[in-house]
Structures are given as structure tokens and as C-alpha cells.
Amino acid sequence: MIKQIKKESSSELSFLCFVYFSFLELSFIGWNILAGLSLGIGFLWLVPYYNAAHAEFYRTLAGDQFKSKD
């Protein structure tokens, strides 16, 4: 029973890491290049957007675990 749970958890984590690195991180490569070409001024807009995208990813990952019960 415990081995099965560990196996399922490991496969879920592997999939989520794949999603994170392949889609979320790679989608910001172009934005980072553009922000760098603007001599760093573009990072004023990119960093909050980047952080908001990561926060939404983790909120989606957590599901209903951290929703308020009011």
C-alpha cells in the first residue's frame, strides 16, 4: 500500500516538474530576451508578471487545499 502511494506520488511529481520546466519556464525565454534588450527597463514589468504566473501555477497545483472556508 505505501509503495503504491509513493509510486503514484512520484509519477505525479515528475509530471508536474515536466509541466513546470517545459511550459512555464520556457514561455518566459522570449520575454527575458526582450527585457534584456531594453537595458533592463523591461524587467520592471516582467518580474511582477513572472511572479504572478508562478503564484497561479502553485495555487493550481495546491487545488482547494488553501481556500478559505468562510
Protein backbone atom coordinates (compact mmCIF):
# COMPACT_ATOMS: atom_id res chain seq x y z
CA MET A 1 0.00 0.00 0.00
CA ILE A 2 2.71 2.52 0.97
CA LYS A 3 4.87 1.59 -2.01
CA GLN A 4 1.92 2.19 -4.32
CA ILE A 5 1.27 5.61 -2.79
CA LYS A 6 4.94 6.55 -3.13
CA LYS A 7 4.93 5.42 -6.76
CA GLU A 8 1.82 7.44 -7.59
CA SER A 9 3.17 10.49 -5.79
CA SER A 10 6.48 10.20 -7.61
CA SER A 11 4.79 9.94 -11.01
CA GLU A 12 2.59 12.97 -10.26
CA LEU A 13 5.60 14.99 -9.15
CA SER A 14 7.54 14.00 -12.26
CA PHE A 15 4.67 15.13 -14.48
CA LEU A 16 4.29 18.44 -12.64
CA CYS A 17 8.02 19.12 -12.88
CA PHE A 18 7.82 18.41 -16.61
CA VAL A 19 4.93 20.85 -16.97
CA TYR A 20 6.71 23.47 -14.90
CA PHE A 21 10.01 23.37 -16.72
CA SER A 22 8.75 22.79 -20.22
CA PHE A 23 5.82 25.16 -20.40
CA LEU A 24 6.09 27.79 -17.71
CA GLU A 25 9.82 28.46 -17.72
CA LEU A 26 10.32 28.14 -21.47
CA SER A 27 7.48 30.55 -22.12
CA PHE A 28 9.46 33.34 -20.45
CA ILE A 29 12.66 33.00 -22.51
CA GLY A 30 11.49 35.46 -25.13
CA TRP A 31 10.31 37.92 -22.52
CA ASN A 32 13.67 37.76 -20.75
CA ILE A 33 15.50 38.46 -24.00
CA LEU A 34 13.25 41.44 -24.76
CA ALA A 35 13.64 42.79 -21.23
CA GLY A 36 17.42 42.48 -21.52
CA LEU A 37 17.45 44.25 -24.88
CA SER A 38 15.65 47.19 -23.29
CA LEU A 39 18.65 47.66 -21.00
CA GLY A 40 16.77 46.19 -18.05
CA ILE A 41 13.80 48.54 -18.09
CA GLY A 42 11.54 45.74 -19.30
CA PHE A 43 12.23 43.80 -16.13
CA LEU A 44 10.08 46.35 -14.25
CA TRP A 45 7.08 44.76 -15.99
CA LEU A 46 8.41 41.26 -16.44
CA VAL A 47 9.27 40.40 -12.82
CA PRO A 48 5.75 41.01 -11.38
CA TYR A 49 4.20 39.12 -14.30
CA TYR A 50 6.67 36.26 -13.80
CA ASN A 51 5.90 36.09 -10.08
CA ALA A 52 2.14 36.19 -10.67
CA ALA A 53 2.41 33.33 -13.18
CA HIS A 54 4.34 31.23 -10.67
CA ALA A 55 1.86 32.04 -7.89
CA GLU A 56 -1.03 30.95 -10.10
CA PHE A 57 0.81 27.76 -11.02
CA TYR A 58 1.34 26.87 -7.36
CA ARG A 59 -2.24 27.79 -6.47
CA THR A 60 -3.47 25.49 -9.24
CA LEU A 61 -1.10 22.81 -8.01
CA ALA A 62 -2.43 23.07 -4.44
CA GLY A 63 -6.06 22.91 -5.55
CA ASP A 64 -8.63 23.54 -2.83
CA GLN A 65 -6.14 22.94 -0.02
CA PHE A 66 -5.63 26.61 0.86
CA LYS A 67 -9.04 28.07 0.06
CA SER A 68 -10.77 29.87 2.89
CA LYS A 69 -13.73 28.11 4.47
CA ASP A 70 -15.83 31.26 5.01
